[in-house]
Amino acid sequence: MSRMSTNLIFENGLNRMLETQSKLVKTQQQIATGRRVLSPQDDPAAAAYILGLRNTISTVEQYQDNSERVRARLELEETTLQGVTNLLPRIQELAVQGQNDALTAEQRNAIAEEVLLLRDQLFSLANTRDSNGEYIFAGFQGGSEPFVSVGAGSYSYRGDMGERSLQISNGRSIQDRNNGFDVFMNIDTSTGAKRNLFETVDQIAAGMQANNPDAVLIDDIQRAQDHLLQFRTSVGARLNSTSEQYEVNEDFLLTMQTAKSEAEDLDITEAVSRYERQLQALNAAQQSFIKLQGLSLFNFL
């Protein structure tokens, strides 16, 4: 046998051994990761399909994160507005009670004191902050207190008209908060003018303190209650829509994750069997290579 043919046999044997070893290493990596496709070169079509699924899953997971934030914010607003609307019937009841001609000035002063305490609770609710410390009714100015007292019986809104929305599905966004001006400041009155809730309550208290209650304000409190209930209804509807979309997204995510798993996941049983065959083949290739090494050395001598 010539030295050239011996070298060729030696080279072919080495290449077979290295190729078998490479296949074995790849199978080991597949078993370790549980994935069939480790790189685009393994299966270009499947790799592109899997990448598309991953991108879709990532997008929908972001929608789910947004939905959870929307729900948390709307639930806080709903709870806050519920607190407000729970206080207004008592204020209206006191306003009606104060119309009783048999009441003394002292008794009306006592009513005024309770009304002002309720006003303070309303004011505190309007300046509610979330878990991040942001004022929920400040629009885009969440770091600043939206409602401030600027004098006896006078109030100012320091937030803005911003209303944030978050995307919860493809082409669908949900407003997660209402600005405080629309909720508390821009309320119809019986005269046709607009007045904020706090001034209406203050005027009820002022009438009691002056022993001259204004019956018109009873209707204004009812108008404020109706106004706030409209916002509660809107918040509730958005909460329901967000929850419904969340469930739709969850079903879609499951479908996408199943498809990704089917395209990407490894058949462990088949892979282990293949690994054992490849290990046997590698051992055989190594034994052949050892023999070739001995043959090559013999021919050289």
Protein backbone atom coordinates (compact mmCIF):
# COMPACT_ATOMS: atom_id res chain seq x y z
CA MET A 1 0.00 0.00 0.00
CA SER A 2 1.46 3.41 -0.97
CA ARG A 3 2.06 6.14 1.54
CA MET A 4 -0.47 8.39 -0.33
CA SER A 5 -3.28 5.83 -0.14
CA THR A 6 -2.48 5.18 3.53
CA ASN A 7 -2.68 8.92 4.27
CA LEU A 8 -6.02 9.12 2.45
CA ILE A 9 -7.44 6.24 4.46
CA PHE A 10 -6.11 7.86 7.64
CA GLU A 11 -7.71 11.20 6.73
CA ASN A 12 -11.06 9.61 5.86
CA GLY A 13 -11.07 7.71 9.13
CA LEU A 14 -10.32 10.86 11.08
CA ASN A 15 -13.10 12.76 9.29
CA ARG A 16 -15.64 10.01 10.00
CA MET A 17 -14.71 10.00 13.66
CA LEU A 18 -14.95 13.80 13.94
CA GLU A 19 -18.28 13.84 12.11
CA THR A 20 -19.69 11.16 14.40
CA GLN A 21 -18.40 13.06 17.41
CA SER A 22 -20.02 16.29 16.15
CA LYS A 23 -23.39 14.55 15.79
CA LEU A 24 -23.05 13.13 19.27
CA VAL A 25 -22.28 16.56 20.76
CA LYS A 26 -25.30 18.07 18.99
CA THR A 27 -27.56 15.33 20.36
CA GLN A 28 -26.15 15.96 23.84
CA GLN A 29 -26.99 19.67 23.48
CA GLN A 30 -30.50 18.85 22.29
CA ILE A 31 -31.09 16.59 25.28
CA ALA A 32 -29.64 19.18 27.67
CA THR A 33 -31.87 22.00 26.33
CA GLY A 34 -34.90 19.89 25.46
CA ARG A 35 -35.00 21.64 22.08
CA ARG A 36 -34.92 20.04 18.66
CA VAL A 37 -33.85 23.17 16.76
CA LEU A 38 -30.72 24.69 18.27
CA SER A 39 -29.83 27.04 15.41
CA PRO A 40 -31.36 28.19 12.10
CA GLN A 41 -28.98 25.84 10.29
CA ASP A 42 -30.67 22.82 11.88
CA ASP A 43 -34.02 23.54 10.18
CA PRO A 44 -34.31 26.99 8.53
CA ALA A 45 -38.07 26.79 7.96
CA ALA A 46 -38.79 25.59 11.50
CA ALA A 47 -36.40 28.17 12.98
CA ALA A 48 -38.21 31.01 11.16
CA TYR A 49 -41.58 29.64 12.28
CA ILE A 50 -40.42 29.35 15.90
CA LEU A 51 -38.99 32.88 15.84
CA GLY A 52 -42.33 34.21 14.61
CA LEU A 53 -44.14 32.37 17.39
CA ARG A 54 -41.73 33.72 19.99
CA ASN A 55 -42.29 37.28 18.80
CA THR A 56 -46.06 36.81 18.87
CA ILE A 57 -45.94 35.30 22.35
CA SER A 58 -43.76 38.17 23.60
CA THR A 59 -46.21 40.73 22.20
CA VAL A 60 -49.25 39.04 23.75
CA GLU A 61 -47.46 38.69 27.08
CA GLN A 62 -46.90 42.46 27.00
CA TYR A 63 -50.63 42.90 26.35
CA GLN A 64 -51.28 40.77 29.44
CA ASP A 65 -48.93 42.88 31.54
CA ASN A 66 -50.74 45.98 30.29
CA SER A 67 -54.11 44.40 31.10
CA GLU A 68 -53.01 43.72 34.66
CA ARG A 69 -51.89 47.33 35.09
CA VAL A 70 -55.14 48.61 33.59
CA ARG A 71 -57.19 46.40 35.91
CA ALA A 72 -55.24 47.49 38.98
CA ARG A 73 -55.69 51.18 38.13
CA LEU A 74 -59.36 50.86 37.24
CA GLU A 75 -60.07 48.81 40.36
CA LEU A 76 -58.50 51.54 42.48
CA GLU A 77 -60.52 54.22 40.70
CA GLU A 78 -63.70 52.17 41.10
CA THR A 79 -63.04 51.73 44.82
CA THR A 80 -62.35 55.44 45.19
CA LEU A 81 -65.46 56.50 43.30
CA GLN A 82 -67.50 54.03 45.32
CA GLY A 83 -66.22 55.73 48.45
CA VAL A 84 -67.29 59.11 47.07
CA THR A 85 -70.76 57.99 46.01
CA ASN A 86 -71.26 56.31 49.38
CA LEU A 87 -70.72 59.67 51.13
CA LEU A 88 -73.03 61.78 48.97
CA PRO A 89 -76.34 60.28 50.17
CA ARG A 90 -75.46 61.24 53.75
CA ILE A 91 -74.61 64.78 52.65
CA GLN A 92 -77.92 64.99 50.79
CA GLU A 93 -79.73 63.61 53.83
CA LEU A 94 -78.15 66.31 56.01
CA ALA A 95 -79.06 68.99 53.47
CA VAL A 96 -82.68 67.86 53.57
CA GLN A 97 -82.61 67.65 57.36
CA GLY A 98 -81.35 71.22 57.53
CA GLN A 99 -84.46 72.46 55.72
CA ASN A 100 -86.57 71.65 58.77
CA ASP A 101 -87.91 74.98 60.03
CA ALA A 102 -87.99 73.63 63.57
CA LEU A 103 -84.19 73.42 63.75
CA THR A 104 -82.26 75.95 65.77
CA ALA A 105 -79.11 77.71 64.60
CA GLU A 106 -77.12 75.52 66.96
CA GLN A 107 -78.57 72.38 65.43
CA ARG A 108 -77.76 73.60 61.94
CA ASN A 109 -74.20 74.34 63.05
CA ALA A 110 -73.93 70.72 64.17
CA ILE A 111 -75.14 69.63 60.74
CA ALA A 112 -72.55 71.92 59.14
CA GLU A 113 -69.78 70.33 61.17
CA GLU A 114 -70.70 66.86 59.92
CA VAL A 115 -71.02 68.12 56.35
CA LEU A 116 -67.52 69.61 56.53
CA LEU A 117 -66.12 66.36 57.88
CA LEU A 118 -67.69 64.55 54.95
CA ARG A 119 -66.25 67.19 52.61
CA ASP A 120 -62.78 66.48 53.99
CA GLN A 121 -63.28 62.78 53.27
CA LEU A 122 -64.35 63.60 49.71
CA PHE A 123 -61.30 65.81 49.27
CA SER A 124 -59.02 63.07 50.54
CA LEU A 125 -60.55 60.53 48.16
CA ALA A 126 -60.12 62.90 45.22
CA ASN A 127 -56.41 63.10 46.09
CA THR A 128 -56.00 59.32 46.27
CA ARG A 129 -52.58 57.94 45.32
CA ASP A 130 -51.75 54.52 43.91
CA SER A 131 -49.08 52.08 45.10
CA ASN A 132 -46.45 54.03 43.15
CA GLY A 133 -47.35 57.25 44.92
CA GLU A 134 -49.05 58.77 41.85
CA TYR A 135 -52.26 60.75 42.25
CA ILE A 136 -54.83 58.82 40.25
CA PHE A 137 -56.95 61.84 39.25
CA ALA A 138 -54.08 64.15 38.21
CA GLY A 139 -54.02 63.24 34.52
CA PHE A 140 -50.40 63.16 33.34
CA GLN A 141 -49.28 65.16 36.41
CA GLY A 142 -49.35 62.16 38.75
CA GLY A 143 -46.55 63.50 40.92
CA SER A 144 -48.51 66.58 42.03
CA GLU A 145 -51.57 66.81 44.25
CA PRO A 146 -54.45 67.55 41.85
CA PHE A 147 -56.93 69.25 44.19
CA VAL A 148 -56.01 72.13 46.45
CA SER A 149 -57.96 74.58 48.57
CA VAL A 150 -57.27 78.15 47.43
CA GLY A 151 -59.38 79.96 50.00
CA ALA A 152 -62.54 79.62 52.03
CA GLY A 153 -64.96 77.52 49.99
CA SER A 154 -62.81 77.69 46.85
CA TYR A 155 -60.87 74.88 45.18
CA SER A 156 -58.52 74.50 42.26
CA TYR A 157 -57.54 71.59 40.01
CA ARG A 158 -53.76 71.46 39.47
CA GLY A 159 -53.68 68.33 37.31
CA ASP A 160 -54.16 68.28 33.55
CA MET A 161 -56.71 66.82 31.15
CA GLY A 162 -54.55 63.82 30.24
CA GLU A 163 -56.15 60.39 30.12
CA ARG A 164 -53.78 57.45 29.74
CA SER A 165 -54.49 54.34 27.73
CA LEU A 166 -52.66 51.02 27.40
CA GLN A 167 -52.84 48.54 24.55
CA ILE A 168 -54.36 45.21 25.59
CA SER A 169 -54.62 43.55 22.17
CA ASN A 170 -53.83 44.23 18.55
CA GLY A 171 -55.57 47.49 17.71
CA ARG A 172 -57.32 47.80 21.07
CA SER A 173 -56.42 50.14 23.91
CA ILE A 174 -58.22 50.82 27.20
CA GLN A 175 -58.27 54.12 29.08
CA ASP A 176 -56.98 53.28 32.55
CA ARG A 177 -57.84 56.52 34.38
CA ASN A 178 -60.04 59.60 34.25
CA ASN A 179 -58.71 63.07 34.89
CA GLY A 180 -59.97 64.77 38.02
CA PHE A 181 -61.34 67.82 36.26
CA ASP A 182 -63.95 65.77 34.44
CA VAL A 183 -64.79 63.72 37.52
CA PHE A 184 -64.97 66.32 40.29
CA MET A 185 -64.82 69.84 38.84
CA ASN A 186 -67.05 69.90 35.79
CA ILE A 187 -70.44 69.03 37.32
CA ASP A 188 -73.79 70.43 36.18
CA THR A 189 -75.89 72.39 38.67
CA SER A 190 -79.57 73.27 38.75
CA THR A 191 -78.78 76.74 37.36
CA GLY A 192 -77.12 75.30 34.26
CA ALA A 193 -73.67 76.40 35.37
CA LYS A 194 -70.79 74.10 36.28
CA ARG A 195 -69.45 73.74 39.80
CA ASN A 196 -66.98 71.43 41.52
CA LEU A 197 -68.22 68.93 44.08
CA PHE A 198 -66.30 70.42 47.00
CA GLU A 199 -67.76 73.92 46.59
CA THR A 200 -71.28 72.48 46.43
CA VAL A 201 -70.70 70.69 49.72
CA ASP A 202 -69.10 73.80 51.22
CA GLN A 203 -72.11 75.88 50.23
CA ILE A 204 -74.41 73.43 52.01
CA ALA A 205 -72.29 73.79 55.16
CA ALA A 206 -72.14 77.58 54.77
CA GLY A 207 -75.94 77.79 54.53
CA MET A 208 -76.26 75.77 57.73
CA GLN A 209 -73.73 77.95 59.53
CA ALA A 210 -75.65 81.06 58.42
CA ASN A 211 -78.90 79.44 59.56
CA ASN A 212 -80.18 79.95 56.01
CA PRO A 213 -79.89 76.64 54.08
CA ASP A 214 -80.38 76.70 50.31
CA ALA A 215 -82.81 74.00 49.16
CA VAL A 216 -81.45 74.20 45.58
CA LEU A 217 -78.21 72.58 46.72
CA ILE A 218 -80.10 69.37 47.51
CA ASP A 219 -80.73 68.96 43.78
CA ASP A 220 -77.11 69.85 43.02
CA ILE A 221 -75.89 67.04 45.26
CA GLN A 222 -78.18 64.64 43.41
CA ARG A 223 -76.77 65.89 40.11
CA ALA A 224 -73.26 65.30 41.44
CA GLN A 225 -74.23 61.78 42.49
CA ASP A 226 -75.63 61.03 39.02
CA HIS A 227 -72.52 62.52 37.43
CA LEU A 228 -70.18 60.33 39.49
CA LEU A 229 -72.28 57.22 38.95
CA GLN A 230 -71.80 57.69 35.21
CA PHE A 231 -68.05 57.53 35.73
CA ARG A 232 -68.42 54.45 37.92
CA THR A 233 -70.44 52.79 35.16
CA SER A 234 -67.78 53.66 32.61
CA VAL A 235 -65.00 52.33 34.83
CA GLY A 236 -66.94 49.11 35.42
CA ALA A 237 -67.48 48.62 31.69
CA ARG A 238 -63.77 49.09 31.01
CA LEU A 239 -62.91 46.64 33.77
CA ASN A 240 -65.20 44.04 32.23
CA SER A 241 -63.76 44.62 28.76
CA THR A 242 -60.22 44.30 30.07
CA SER A 243 -61.00 41.06 31.89
CA GLU A 244 -62.71 39.59 28.84
CA GLN A 245 -59.78 40.50 26.59
CA TYR A 246 -57.37 39.04 29.14
CA GLU A 247 -59.13 35.67 28.90
CA VAL A 248 -59.09 35.81 25.09
CA ASN A 249 -55.36 36.57 25.20
CA GLU A 250 -54.76 33.69 27.61
CA ASP A 251 -56.42 31.24 25.22
CA PHE A 252 -54.42 32.61 22.29
CA LEU A 253 -51.20 32.39 24.30
CA LEU A 254 -51.87 28.75 25.08
CA THR A 255 -52.40 28.03 21.38
CA MET A 256 -49.17 29.81 20.41
CA GLN A 257 -47.15 28.15 23.17
CA THR A 258 -48.47 24.73 22.16
CA ALA A 259 -47.54 25.37 18.53
CA LYS A 260 -44.08 26.53 19.58
CA SER A 261 -43.61 23.48 21.75
CA GLU A 262 -44.61 21.15 18.94
CA ALA A 263 -42.19 22.84 16.54
CA GLU A 264 -39.30 23.24 18.94
CA ASP A 265 -39.44 20.61 21.67
CA LEU A 266 -37.37 17.48 21.46
CA ASP A 267 -38.68 13.92 21.43
CA ILE A 268 -36.58 12.84 24.40
CA THR A 269 -37.13 9.10 23.87
CA GLU A 270 -35.98 9.29 20.26
CA ALA A 271 -33.05 11.56 21.17
CA VAL A 272 -31.77 9.23 23.90
CA SER A 273 -32.00 6.27 21.52
CA ARG A 274 -30.14 8.26 18.87
CA TYR A 275 -27.52 9.29 21.40
CA GLU A 276 -26.85 5.65 22.30
CA ARG A 277 -26.49 4.70 18.62
CA GLN A 278 -24.18 7.63 17.98
CA LEU A 279 -22.08 6.75 21.04
CA GLN A 280 -21.68 3.22 19.75
CA ALA A 281 -20.77 4.55 16.32
CA LEU A 282 -18.20 6.89 17.85
CA ASN A 283 -16.63 4.06 19.83
CA ALA A 284 -16.42 1.98 16.67
CA ALA A 285 -14.93 4.90 14.73
CA GLN A 286 -12.36 5.46 17.44
CA GLN A 287 -11.34 1.79 17.39
CA SER A 288 -11.01 1.90 13.60
CA PHE A 289 -8.95 5.05 13.83
CA ILE A 290 -6.61 3.45 16.36
CA LYS A 291 -6.08 0.56 13.96
CA LEU A 292 -5.44 3.00 11.10
CA GLN A 293 -2.88 4.78 13.22
CA GLY A 294 -1.08 1.47 13.79
CA LEU A 295 -1.25 0.62 10.09
CA SER A 296 0.09 4.01 9.11
CA LEU A 297 3.01 3.67 11.50
CA PHE A 298 3.75 0.15 10.23
CA ASN A 299 3.85 1.32 6.58
CA PHE A 300 6.06 4.20 7.53
CA LEU A 301 8.54 1.79 9.12
